[in-house]
Amino acid sequence: MSLTKLGNELLTYGNYVGGKDVESDKWVHVLSPRAVLDDSFSALRTKRELDRGALSVDDAEPGLVVGRVALADDRTVSEALSAAASAAVQWRTYPRSVRFDDTLPRIHERLLECRELIVELLTYEGHPLELAEWEYSGCLENTSKLSVDFLRTQLWNEHIADDGRRRIVRRQPDGVVCVNPPANAPMASVLLAALSLAAGNAMVIRAPRTAPLGVMCVMRELIADVLGEVGAPTGTVNVLCGNPAPLLKAWLDSPHVDDIMYFGSVEPGLKFEQKCVAAGKKPILELAGNDIVTVWSDANLDHAATAISESFYGSGQLCMVPNVVVAHPAIADDLIALVAEKAEAMRPGYPDDESTRLAPVLRHDGFNAFVADAVAKGATVVTGGGGMHLDGTPGDTGFFLQPTVIRVDGLERARDVDAVREETFFPLIPVVVAEDAADDVLLDTMIDFVNSNRYGLRNSLWAGNDTTIDRYVTAVVNAGLLKVNESHIAFSAPLPSHGGTGVTGGVFGEANYPILRTTHLQGVAITDRPQPPRHR
């Protein structure tokens, strides 16, 4: 297939193992998100019939099915691991000029060429167009020259002594890396994880049953194609569609697997981390975020409110959007009013509409529980708090949720409120108004609140005073990324786009550059002219 734009073409993919497409008698069908929003009952009923083989694609309504992906059986899963293990032994011996310097720029160029395709595939995952463009920009930043140049300095450092002896500190590939992406953003996540290939690793990637098409398409048509261009061995990348539990168990049990990159929620992720350690696998966790935006008294409130409103993108179903605001009491009322105004201006719609920012939310009970808990503990609902339909009218039976702002007074007991303490994954932003205090005491209290967050993905600050900014940047240790007076969600090469501390990244959590996280440090000493061993 030419990687330009999907158009009306039905994409069909087998599992990709050892350089070959492997089909099966079981398929997962992917539907047009427009069709699902127009008539969800009929569309989902048709999908069930298609997936169990009771209906053929030709018998479905025209335009309903946009693609299908074969389900992997146990034999295919085993073959993928063997293919990756075989390829890893060869691929790691390729020169860095091929694995890294040639491969990454080629991936970047292909991303540029395939912009329309990638953005369209992202909307098929249910992401609004604006959000899809944002995710695409992250893929470009992660493979940009700035990022590549930075990563090169981390992979190889060589020092030559006066007598010609060479001393090298380098990062070597771990081997076989398996990736379990999240159901909410699988394609962008695997494009991030795939950068591990440039370090000399081979990979096995799961395409989630709930949204397999984008993963299969970009890995098969873009990443595998680039690997073929640079002469990588077959089996360097393998892609399977299946349920997470059996695949994760196969990876844990396999002697071929070295690292497992796991995207998911906190509790199952931390349990899986323990299983990885027990099985001798390196866990690389990308779990939930509960990001805090701190707004100081001299901040540009309109700009800060715009950044805070990013909380509602995709209806909050992203880990790296703002989740909690901590506001200086002197500006809290004005800030809350601005955020509420921006929340009320957001509308639902089809994902391929340029004006859409909100995404459907399948289950509303968790949202309702968060709002009820907050109100019961003294918080105030400023705007929102209910469901709405595709046309924006309120209604609890609609697919969408109203962007919701709640006010929580006081930092001391703020974490008694569930929506402050935990990630909600809904279009819900609590604004915590700090207690009155001298500014030096208040700033330290706010910083302590940020550092005591059990999550640590991103945190950001809005302030105008250099002293405030310097104090915040110096003292905040929690998070994989700090932003000051910038969009909370924007990607900025060569900074990391993912990874964090606390329960976000588990025991070994930090900012996640996949090329670095799937490698290990090694020192090398080389003397060209043999001489008697010297101890110093």
Protein backbone atom coordinates (compact mmCIF):
# COMPACT_ATOMS: atom_id res chain seq x y z
CA MET A 1 0.00 0.00 0.00
CA SER A 2 1.23 3.50 -0.77
CA LEU A 3 1.58 5.42 2.47
CA THR A 4 -0.17 8.62 1.52
CA LYS A 5 -3.79 8.62 2.71
CA LEU A 6 -6.34 5.96 3.50
CA GLY A 7 -9.26 7.37 1.52
CA ASN A 8 -11.87 4.64 1.06
CA GLU A 9 -9.41 1.75 1.02
CA LEU A 10 -10.07 -1.10 3.43
CA LEU A 11 -6.85 -1.97 5.24
CA THR A 12 -6.26 -5.63 6.02
CA TYR A 13 -3.30 -6.86 8.04
CA GLY A 14 -2.14 -10.21 9.28
CA ASN A 15 0.26 -10.44 12.17
CA TYR A 16 3.78 -9.43 11.18
CA VAL A 17 6.33 -12.05 12.23
CA GLY A 18 9.85 -12.59 10.94
CA GLY A 19 9.28 -10.29 7.99
CA LYS A 20 6.09 -12.05 6.86
CA ASP A 21 2.35 -11.43 7.19
CA VAL A 22 0.70 -14.26 9.12
CA GLU A 23 -3.08 -14.45 8.77
CA SER A 24 -5.55 -16.44 10.85
CA ASP A 25 -9.19 -17.44 10.75
CA LYS A 26 -10.06 -14.83 13.39
CA TRP A 27 -10.20 -11.11 12.72
CA VAL A 28 -10.79 -7.87 14.61
CA HIS A 29 -12.67 -5.26 12.60
CA VAL A 30 -12.20 -1.50 12.97
CA LEU A 31 -15.16 0.80 12.43
CA SER A 32 -15.47 4.39 11.26
CA PRO A 33 -15.84 6.57 14.38
CA ARG A 34 -18.40 8.71 12.56
CA ALA A 35 -20.56 5.65 11.96
CA VAL A 36 -20.32 4.63 15.61
CA LEU A 37 -21.38 8.08 16.82
CA ASP A 38 -24.28 8.21 14.36
CA ASP A 39 -25.71 4.81 15.31
CA SER A 40 -23.71 3.12 18.02
CA PHE A 41 -26.12 0.26 18.65
CA SER A 42 -26.26 -0.86 15.03
CA ALA A 43 -22.54 -0.31 14.41
CA LEU A 44 -21.37 -2.25 17.46
CA ARG A 45 -23.82 -5.07 16.77
CA THR A 46 -22.39 -5.38 13.26
CA LYS A 47 -18.85 -5.40 14.65
CA ARG A 48 -19.69 -8.29 16.99
CA GLU A 49 -21.07 -10.27 14.06
CA LEU A 50 -18.03 -9.49 11.92
CA ASP A 51 -15.58 -10.45 14.66
CA ARG A 52 -17.22 -13.81 15.30
CA GLY A 53 -17.40 -14.57 11.57
CA ALA A 54 -21.17 -14.45 11.27
CA LEU A 55 -21.04 -11.60 8.75
CA SER A 56 -18.64 -10.69 5.94
CA VAL A 57 -17.25 -7.22 5.35
CA ASP A 58 -19.02 -7.14 1.98
CA ASP A 59 -22.38 -7.45 3.76
CA ALA A 60 -21.74 -4.53 6.14
CA GLU A 61 -22.99 -1.02 5.46
CA PRO A 62 -20.70 0.84 3.02
CA GLY A 63 -18.15 2.97 4.87
CA LEU A 64 -18.74 1.28 8.23
CA VAL A 65 -15.60 -0.90 8.27
CA VAL A 66 -12.28 0.84 7.67
CA GLY A 67 -9.96 -2.09 8.36
CA ARG A 68 -9.38 -5.48 9.90
CA VAL A 69 -6.47 -7.18 11.69
CA ALA A 70 -5.84 -10.89 12.22
CA LEU A 71 -5.73 -12.27 15.75
CA ALA A 72 -2.55 -14.08 16.77
CA ASP A 73 -2.64 -17.64 18.10
CA ASP A 74 -0.17 -19.18 20.56
CA ARG A 75 2.07 -20.49 17.79
CA THR A 76 2.35 -17.06 16.19
CA VAL A 77 3.20 -15.50 19.55
CA SER A 78 6.01 -18.02 20.05
CA GLU A 79 7.35 -17.53 16.54
CA ALA A 80 7.47 -13.78 17.00
CA LEU A 81 9.63 -14.11 20.12
CA SER A 82 12.00 -16.53 18.39
CA ALA A 83 12.28 -14.26 15.36
CA ALA A 84 13.07 -11.26 17.56
CA ALA A 85 15.70 -13.18 19.54
CA SER A 86 17.43 -14.29 16.36
CA ALA A 87 17.35 -10.81 14.87
CA ALA A 88 18.62 -9.13 18.06
CA VAL A 89 21.88 -11.08 17.95
CA GLN A 90 22.56 -9.79 14.44
CA TRP A 91 21.11 -6.29 14.63
CA ARG A 92 23.15 -5.25 17.67
CA THR A 93 26.38 -5.86 15.69
CA TYR A 94 25.41 -3.43 12.93
CA PRO A 95 27.42 -0.17 13.02
CA ARG A 96 25.86 2.70 14.92
CA SER A 97 26.01 4.64 11.68
CA VAL A 98 23.35 2.25 10.35
CA ARG A 99 21.30 1.44 13.47
CA PHE A 100 21.16 5.00 14.74
CA ASP A 101 22.48 7.63 12.31
CA ASP A 102 20.75 6.17 9.26
CA THR A 103 17.59 4.68 10.77
CA LEU A 104 16.27 7.59 12.85
CA PRO A 105 16.47 10.26 10.10
CA ARG A 106 14.73 7.85 7.73
CA ILE A 107 11.93 7.33 10.24
CA HIS A 108 11.61 11.11 10.60
CA GLU A 109 11.38 11.57 6.84
CA ARG A 110 8.74 8.87 6.55
CA LEU A 111 6.72 10.51 9.30
CA LEU A 112 6.81 13.75 7.34
CA GLU A 113 5.73 11.98 4.16
CA CYS A 114 2.89 10.13 5.90
CA ARG A 115 1.36 12.99 7.87
CA GLU A 116 -2.15 12.69 6.41
CA LEU A 117 -2.24 8.93 6.88
CA ILE A 118 -1.00 9.07 10.47
CA VAL A 119 -3.41 11.80 11.50
CA GLU A 120 -6.32 9.94 9.89
CA LEU A 121 -5.37 6.72 11.68
CA LEU A 122 -5.26 8.62 14.97
CA THR A 123 -8.82 9.85 14.41
CA TYR A 124 -9.81 6.20 13.86
CA GLU A 125 -8.65 5.64 17.45
CA GLY A 126 -11.30 8.18 18.45
CA HIS A 127 -8.97 11.15 18.90
CA PRO A 128 -10.24 14.57 17.83
CA LEU A 129 -8.33 16.02 14.88
CA GLU A 130 -6.60 18.70 16.97
CA LEU A 131 -5.43 16.04 19.40
CA ALA A 132 -4.29 13.79 16.53
CA GLU A 133 -2.19 16.66 15.15
CA TRP A 134 -0.66 17.12 18.62
CA GLU A 135 0.25 13.44 18.87
CA TYR A 136 1.75 13.56 15.40
CA SER A 137 3.87 16.57 16.40
CA GLY A 138 5.24 14.51 19.30
CA CYS A 139 6.34 11.77 16.91
CA LEU A 140 8.21 14.37 14.86
CA GLU A 141 9.86 15.96 17.89
CA ASN A 142 11.06 12.58 19.18
CA THR A 143 12.86 11.90 15.89
CA SER A 144 14.00 15.47 15.17
CA LYS A 145 17.64 16.44 14.72
CA LEU A 146 17.69 18.01 18.19
CA SER A 147 16.54 14.75 19.78
CA VAL A 148 18.86 12.60 17.66
CA ASP A 149 21.87 14.78 18.44
CA PHE A 150 21.14 14.64 22.17
CA LEU A 151 20.66 10.87 22.18
CA ARG A 152 23.91 10.37 20.27
CA THR A 153 25.82 12.02 23.13
CA GLN A 154 24.20 9.58 25.58
CA LEU A 155 24.98 6.42 23.64
CA TRP A 156 28.73 6.81 23.10
CA ASN A 157 31.45 8.84 24.83
CA GLU A 158 35.07 8.14 23.98
CA HIS A 159 38.20 9.55 25.61
CA ILE A 160 41.77 9.06 24.31
CA ALA A 161 44.62 9.29 26.82
CA ASP A 162 47.96 10.93 26.05
CA ASP A 163 49.52 7.55 25.36
CA GLY A 164 46.76 6.62 22.90
CA ARG A 165 44.74 4.34 25.16
CA ARG A 166 40.99 4.49 24.44
CA ARG A 167 38.37 4.72 27.17
CA ILE A 168 34.75 4.34 26.07
CA VAL A 169 31.53 4.70 28.03
CA ARG A 170 28.63 3.44 25.95
CA ARG A 171 25.10 2.09 26.14
CA GLN A 172 24.51 -1.40 24.77
CA PRO A 173 21.12 -2.80 23.69
CA ASP A 174 19.27 -5.02 26.16
CA GLY A 175 18.08 -7.43 23.44
CA VAL A 176 14.40 -8.22 22.88
CA VAL A 177 11.97 -5.49 23.93
CA CYS A 178 8.23 -6.22 24.12
CA VAL A 179 5.68 -3.41 24.14
CA ASN A 180 2.17 -3.38 25.55
CA PRO A 181 0.64 -0.04 24.47
CA PRO A 182 -2.39 1.63 26.05
CA ALA A 183 -5.84 1.23 24.53
CA ASN A 184 -6.41 5.00 24.54
CA ALA A 185 -3.36 5.99 22.45
CA PRO A 186 -1.75 2.85 21.00
CA MET A 187 -0.29 4.13 17.74
CA ALA A 188 1.53 7.17 19.12
CA SER A 189 2.83 5.03 22.00
CA VAL A 190 4.32 2.35 19.76
CA LEU A 191 5.92 4.98 17.54
CA LEU A 192 7.65 6.25 20.68
CA ALA A 193 8.63 2.74 21.82
CA ALA A 194 9.90 1.82 18.35
CA LEU A 195 12.82 4.21 18.83
CA SER A 196 14.33 1.39 20.91
CA LEU A 197 15.20 -0.22 17.58
CA ALA A 198 17.82 2.44 16.90
CA ALA A 199 19.74 1.28 19.98
CA GLY A 200 20.13 -2.21 18.48
CA ASN A 201 17.16 -3.95 20.08
CA ALA A 202 14.63 -6.20 18.36
CA MET A 203 10.96 -5.81 19.24
CA VAL A 204 7.65 -7.60 19.67
CA ILE A 205 4.71 -5.20 19.81
CA ARG A 206 1.10 -5.87 20.74
CA ALA A 207 -1.62 -4.19 18.72
CA PRO A 208 -4.60 -3.86 21.12
CA ARG A 209 -7.78 -5.62 20.03
CA THR A 210 -9.73 -2.45 20.75
CA ALA A 211 -7.67 -0.30 18.35
CA PRO A 212 -5.20 -2.40 16.33
CA LEU A 213 -5.26 -0.73 12.93
CA GLY A 214 -2.97 2.24 13.48
CA VAL A 215 -0.35 0.13 15.26
CA MET A 216 -0.33 -2.49 12.52
CA CYS A 217 -0.26 0.04 9.72
CA VAL A 218 2.61 2.24 10.91
CA MET A 219 4.74 -0.62 12.19
CA ARG A 220 4.24 -2.71 9.07
CA GLU A 221 4.28 0.00 6.42
CA LEU A 222 6.58 2.59 7.97
CA ILE A 223 8.93 1.15 10.60
CA ALA A 224 9.42 -2.28 8.99
CA ASP A 225 9.89 -0.60 5.62
CA VAL A 226 12.66 1.65 6.99
CA LEU A 227 14.34 -1.34 8.62
CA GLY A 228 14.28 -3.08 5.24
CA GLU A 229 15.89 -0.05 3.60
CA VAL A 230 18.84 -0.09 6.02
CA GLY A 231 19.23 -3.88 5.74
CA ALA A 232 18.10 -4.89 9.22
CA PRO A 233 17.61 -8.64 9.68
CA THR A 234 14.09 -10.01 9.31
CA GLY A 235 12.44 -10.32 12.69
CA THR A 236 13.86 -7.06 14.03
CA VAL A 237 10.29 -5.87 14.49
CA ASN A 238 7.25 -8.11 14.98
CA VAL A 239 3.64 -7.03 15.57
CA LEU A 240 0.82 -9.14 17.02
CA CYS A 241 -2.83 -8.47 17.71
CA GLY A 242 -4.23 -10.07 20.84
CA ASN A 243 -5.50 -9.70 24.37
CA PRO A 244 -2.97 -8.42 26.90
CA ALA A 245 -3.13 -11.18 29.53
CA PRO A 246 -1.95 -14.14 27.39
CA LEU A 247 0.67 -12.07 25.59
CA LEU A 248 2.08 -10.62 28.80
CA LYS A 249 2.27 -14.09 30.31
CA ALA A 250 4.07 -15.40 27.23
CA TRP A 251 6.57 -12.56 27.47
CA LEU A 252 7.21 -13.16 31.16
CA ASP A 253 7.70 -16.88 30.58
CA SER A 254 9.96 -16.55 27.53
CA PRO A 255 13.74 -16.77 27.92
CA HIS A 256 14.03 -14.57 24.81
CA VAL A 257 12.57 -11.43 26.40
CA ASP A 258 14.78 -8.85 28.11
CA ASP A 259 12.59 -5.75 28.59
CA ILE A 260 8.85 -5.15 28.72
CA MET A 261 7.45 -1.65 28.18
CA TYR A 262 4.03 -1.53 29.78
CA PHE A 263 1.49 1.26 29.34
CA GLY A 264 -1.55 1.14 31.62
CA SER A 265 -3.19 2.07 34.89
CA VAL A 266 -1.39 2.15 38.22
CA GLU A 267 -2.48 -0.88 40.23
CA PRO A 268 -2.12 -3.55 37.52
CA GLY A 269 1.05 -1.83 36.30
CA LEU A 270 2.77 -1.97 39.68
CA LYS A 271 1.79 -5.62 40.10
CA PHE A 272 3.19 -6.35 36.65
CA GLU A 273 6.42 -4.60 37.62
CA GLN A 274 6.87 -7.11 40.44
CA LYS A 275 6.23 -9.99 38.06
CA CYS A 276 8.86 -8.64 35.68
CA VAL A 277 11.49 -8.42 38.38
CA ALA A 278 10.68 -11.93 39.58
CA ALA A 279 11.01 -13.22 36.01
CA GLY A 280 14.27 -11.38 35.39
CA LYS A 281 12.82 -8.85 32.93
CA LYS A 282 13.43 -5.11 33.00
CA PRO A 283 10.09 -3.32 33.52
CA ILE A 284 9.64 0.05 31.80
CA LEU A 285 6.38 1.49 33.04
CA GLU A 286 4.24 4.25 31.54
CA LEU A 287 1.36 4.44 33.99
CA ALA A 288 -1.06 7.18 34.98
CA GLY A 289 -0.34 10.86 35.54
CA ASN A 290 -1.94 13.35 37.90
CA ASP A 291 -0.16 16.47 36.70
CA ILE A 292 -0.25 19.68 38.72
CA VAL A 293 -0.29 23.19 37.26
CA THR A 294 0.81 25.82 39.79
CA VAL A 295 -0.31 29.40 39.11
CA TRP A 296 1.44 32.22 41.02
CA SER A 297 0.10 35.67 41.76
CA ASP A 298 1.97 37.45 38.92
CA ALA A 299 1.17 34.89 36.19
CA ASN A 300 -0.38 35.75 32.86
CA LEU A 301 -3.80 34.39 33.75
CA ASP A 302 -5.20 34.14 30.24
CA HIS A 303 -2.23 32.12 29.05
CA ALA A 304 -2.34 29.98 32.18
CA ALA A 305 -6.06 29.32 31.70
CA THR A 306 -5.45 28.29 28.10
CA ALA A 307 -2.81 25.78 29.23
CA ILE A 308 -5.12 24.50 31.98
CA SER A 309 -7.92 24.01 29.43
CA GLU A 310 -5.69 21.41 27.76
CA SER A 311 -7.02 19.23 30.57
CA PHE A 312 -10.18 18.76 28.50
CA TYR A 313 -8.48 17.62 25.27
CA GLY A 314 -9.72 14.19 24.36
CA SER A 315 -12.10 14.54 27.32
CA GLY A 316 -9.17 14.13 29.69
CA GLN A 317 -8.45 10.59 28.53
CA LEU A 318 -4.71 11.20 28.30
CA CYS A 319 -2.12 10.78 31.00
CA MET A 320 -0.12 13.96 30.30
CA VAL A 321 -2.84 16.63 30.46
CA PRO A 322 -3.27 18.90 33.52
CA ASN A 323 -5.20 17.16 36.28
CA VAL A 324 -5.01 19.57 39.23
CA VAL A 325 -4.46 23.32 39.51
CA VAL A 326 -2.93 24.94 42.59
CA ALA A 327 -3.75 28.65 42.57
CA HIS A 328 -2.36 31.57 44.56
CA PRO A 329 -5.32 32.97 46.56
CA ALA A 330 -4.80 36.49 45.18
CA ILE A 331 -5.70 35.44 41.63
CA ALA A 332 -7.81 32.34 42.24
CA ASP A 333 -11.22 33.88 41.52
CA ASP A 334 -10.11 35.44 38.23
CA LEU A 335 -8.29 32.28 37.14
CA ILE A 336 -11.27 30.03 37.89
CA ALA A 337 -13.56 32.31 35.90
CA LEU A 338 -11.23 32.18 32.89
CA VAL A 339 -10.87 28.41 33.02
CA ALA A 340 -14.64 27.99 33.32
CA GLU A 341 -15.16 30.25 30.30
CA LYS A 342 -12.79 28.18 28.20
CA ALA A 343 -14.39 24.95 29.41
CA GLU A 344 -17.87 26.13 28.44
CA ALA A 345 -16.66 27.04 24.93
CA MET A 346 -15.60 23.47 24.16
CA ARG A 347 -17.97 21.36 22.10
CA PRO A 348 -18.23 17.68 21.20
CA GLY A 349 -18.24 16.50 17.61
CA TYR A 350 -16.95 13.99 15.12
CA PRO A 351 -13.22 13.31 15.56
CA ASP A 352 -12.36 14.46 12.05
CA ASP A 353 -13.96 17.89 12.56
CA GLU A 354 -11.35 20.62 13.09
CA SER A 355 -13.34 22.32 15.86
CA THR A 356 -13.70 19.18 18.00
CA ARG A 357 -11.64 18.90 21.19
CA LEU A 358 -13.72 16.42 23.18
CA ALA A 359 -13.81 12.65 22.68
CA PRO A 360 -16.57 10.18 23.61
CA VAL A 361 -16.44 8.68 27.11
CA LEU A 362 -17.90 5.20 27.26
CA ARG A 363 -18.60 4.97 30.99
CA HIS A 364 -19.84 7.93 32.99
CA ASP A 365 -20.22 6.30 36.41
CA GLY A 366 -16.63 7.02 37.44
CA PHE A 367 -16.98 10.68 36.49
CA ASN A 368 -20.21 10.98 38.45
CA ALA A 369 -18.54 9.39 41.48
CA PHE A 370 -15.64 11.87 41.38
CA VAL A 371 -18.01 14.85 41.19
CA ALA A 372 -20.24 13.54 43.97
CA ASP A 373 -17.25 12.86 46.22
CA ALA A 374 -15.89 16.36 45.68
CA VAL A 375 -19.21 18.02 46.47
CA ALA A 376 -19.68 15.86 49.57
CA LYS A 377 -16.29 17.04 50.83
CA GLY A 378 -17.03 20.73 50.38
CA ALA A 379 -15.93 21.43 46.81
CA THR A 380 -18.00 23.61 44.49
CA VAL A 381 -18.90 22.71 40.90
CA VAL A 382 -18.16 25.90 38.95
CA THR A 383 -19.29 24.61 35.55
CA GLY A 384 -20.19 21.28 33.96
CA GLY A 385 -20.78 18.19 36.02
CA GLY A 386 -22.97 16.15 33.65
CA GLY A 387 -23.24 14.39 30.32
CA MET A 388 -24.05 15.76 26.88
CA HIS A 389 -24.96 14.60 23.41
CA LEU A 390 -23.10 14.89 20.11
CA ASP A 391 -24.86 18.20 19.36
CA GLY A 392 -23.76 19.70 22.70
CA THR A 393 -27.13 19.54 24.48
CA PRO A 394 -27.02 18.28 28.09
CA GLY A 395 -28.05 14.70 28.68
CA ASP A 396 -26.84 11.82 30.80
CA THR A 397 -27.39 9.34 27.94
CA GLY A 398 -24.99 11.16 25.61
CA PHE A 399 -21.57 9.86 24.60
CA PHE A 400 -19.81 12.95 25.94
CA LEU A 401 -19.15 14.64 29.28
CA GLN A 402 -19.30 18.35 29.97
CA PRO A 403 -15.89 19.88 30.68
CA THR A 404 -16.07 20.37 34.43
CA VAL A 405 -14.31 22.77 36.78
CA ILE A 406 -14.53 22.34 40.55
CA ARG A 407 -13.18 24.63 43.27
CA VAL A 408 -11.45 23.17 46.32
CA ASP A 409 -10.50 25.59 49.10
CA GLY A 410 -7.29 24.88 51.00
CA LEU A 411 -4.23 22.73 50.30
CA GLU A 412 -4.17 21.11 53.73
CA ARG A 413 -7.16 18.81 53.15
CA ALA A 414 -7.27 18.97 49.35
CA ARG A 415 -6.17 15.38 48.89
CA ASP A 416 -9.16 14.18 50.86
CA VAL A 417 -10.95 14.85 47.56
CA ASP A 418 -10.58 11.85 45.26
CA ALA A 419 -10.34 14.00 42.11
CA VAL A 420 -7.35 15.83 43.60
CA ARG A 421 -5.57 12.78 44.98
CA GLU A 422 -5.99 10.48 41.97
CA GLU A 423 -5.96 10.73 38.18
CA THR A 424 -9.57 10.90 36.98
CA PHE A 425 -9.17 10.33 33.20
CA PHE A 426 -12.23 12.54 32.65
CA PRO A 427 -12.76 16.18 31.53
CA LEU A 428 -12.62 17.29 35.17
CA ILE A 429 -10.17 19.82 36.63
CA PRO A 430 -10.07 20.67 40.35
CA VAL A 431 -8.67 24.13 41.13
CA VAL A 432 -7.22 24.11 44.64
CA VAL A 433 -7.07 27.59 46.17
CA ALA A 434 -4.14 27.79 48.57
CA GLU A 435 -4.50 29.28 52.05
CA ASP A 436 -3.40 32.88 52.64
CA ALA A 437 0.19 33.12 53.87
CA ALA A 438 3.37 35.10 53.33
CA ASP A 439 4.60 34.49 49.80
CA ASP A 440 7.81 32.69 50.81
CA VAL A 441 5.87 30.32 53.06
CA LEU A 442 3.12 29.89 50.48
CA LEU A 443 5.52 29.02 47.67
CA ASP A 444 7.23 26.37 49.79
CA THR A 445 3.81 24.95 50.72
CA MET A 446 2.81 24.74 47.06
CA ILE A 447 6.11 23.08 46.16
CA ASP A 448 5.68 20.57 48.98
CA PHE A 449 2.23 19.78 47.59
CA VAL A 450 3.72 19.10 44.14
CA ASN A 451 6.55 16.97 45.51
CA SER A 452 4.19 14.93 47.71
CA ASN A 453 2.01 13.93 44.74
CA ARG A 454 2.30 10.15 44.42
CA TYR A 455 2.24 10.59 40.63
CA GLY A 456 5.10 12.21 38.73
CA LEU A 457 4.60 12.60 34.98
CA ARG A 458 4.58 16.35 34.23
CA ASN A 459 4.25 19.45 36.37
CA SER A 460 4.13 23.06 35.28
CA LEU A 461 4.31 26.57 36.70
CA TRP A 462 2.92 29.92 35.59
CA ALA A 463 4.75 32.85 37.15
CA GLY A 464 6.40 36.13 36.13
CA ASN A 465 9.06 36.53 38.81
CA ASP A 466 12.47 34.96 38.18
CA THR A 467 12.96 34.26 41.87
CA THR A 468 9.72 32.28 42.01
CA ILE A 469 10.62 30.37 38.86
CA ASP A 470 14.15 29.57 40.08
CA ARG A 471 12.86 28.37 43.44
CA TYR A 472 10.26 26.12 41.79
CA VAL A 473 12.68 24.61 39.27
CA THR A 474 15.32 24.04 41.95
CA ALA A 475 13.00 22.49 44.52
CA VAL A 476 10.59 20.37 42.47
CA VAL A 477 12.04 16.88 42.12
CA ASN A 478 8.83 15.05 41.30
CA ALA A 479 8.09 14.48 37.57
CA GLY A 480 9.82 13.43 34.39
CA LEU A 481 9.24 16.88 32.89
CA LEU A 482 8.76 20.41 34.24
CA LYS A 483 7.26 23.22 32.15
CA VAL A 484 7.36 26.92 33.02
CA ASN A 485 5.08 29.41 31.24
CA GLU A 486 4.48 26.97 28.40
CA SER A 487 1.78 24.68 27.12
CA HIS A 488 1.53 21.79 29.54
CA ILE A 489 1.18 19.18 26.81
CA ALA A 490 3.39 20.57 24.01
CA PHE A 491 6.38 18.50 22.93
CA SER A 492 9.77 20.22 23.02
CA ALA A 493 12.79 18.41 21.58
CA PRO A 494 15.13 17.26 22.95
CA LEU A 495 13.11 17.01 26.16
CA PRO A 496 11.44 13.68 26.94
CA SER A 497 7.80 13.27 26.00
CA HIS A 498 7.03 10.44 28.44
CA GLY A 499 8.15 8.87 31.69
CA GLY A 500 8.08 9.98 35.29
CA THR A 501 8.57 9.32 38.97
CA GLY A 502 6.35 7.87 41.69
CA VAL A 503 3.61 5.51 40.61
CA THR A 504 3.80 6.96 37.09
CA GLY A 505 7.03 5.08 36.39
CA GLY A 506 7.25 2.60 39.25
CA VAL A 507 10.32 1.90 41.33
CA PHE A 508 12.67 2.54 38.41
CA GLY A 509 10.71 5.49 37.02
CA GLU A 510 12.26 8.51 35.36
CA ALA A 511 11.92 10.44 32.11
CA ASN A 512 11.56 7.90 29.34
CA TYR A 513 13.81 8.03 26.32
CA PRO A 514 13.15 4.51 25.00
CA ILE A 515 16.59 4.35 23.39
CA LEU A 516 18.16 4.90 26.82
CA ARG A 517 15.70 2.92 28.93
CA THR A 518 16.18 -0.22 26.78
CA THR A 519 19.97 -0.11 26.97
CA HIS A 520 22.57 -0.50 29.70
CA LEU A 521 25.83 1.26 30.47
CA GLN A 522 29.09 -0.46 29.64
CA GLY A 523 32.70 0.69 29.93
CA VAL A 524 35.39 -0.37 27.44
CA ALA A 525 39.19 -0.03 27.70
CA ILE A 526 41.32 -0.55 24.56
CA THR A 527 45.09 -0.39 24.22
CA ASP A 528 46.30 -0.65 20.62
CA ARG A 529 49.89 -1.55 21.49
CA PRO A 530 50.12 -4.42 24.02
CA GLN A 531 52.25 -3.65 27.05
CA PRO A 532 52.67 -5.05 30.56
CA PRO A 533 49.50 -4.62 32.62
CA ARG A 534 49.46 -1.48 34.75
CA HIS A 535 47.45 -1.20 37.94
CA ARG A 536 47.42 2.60 37.90
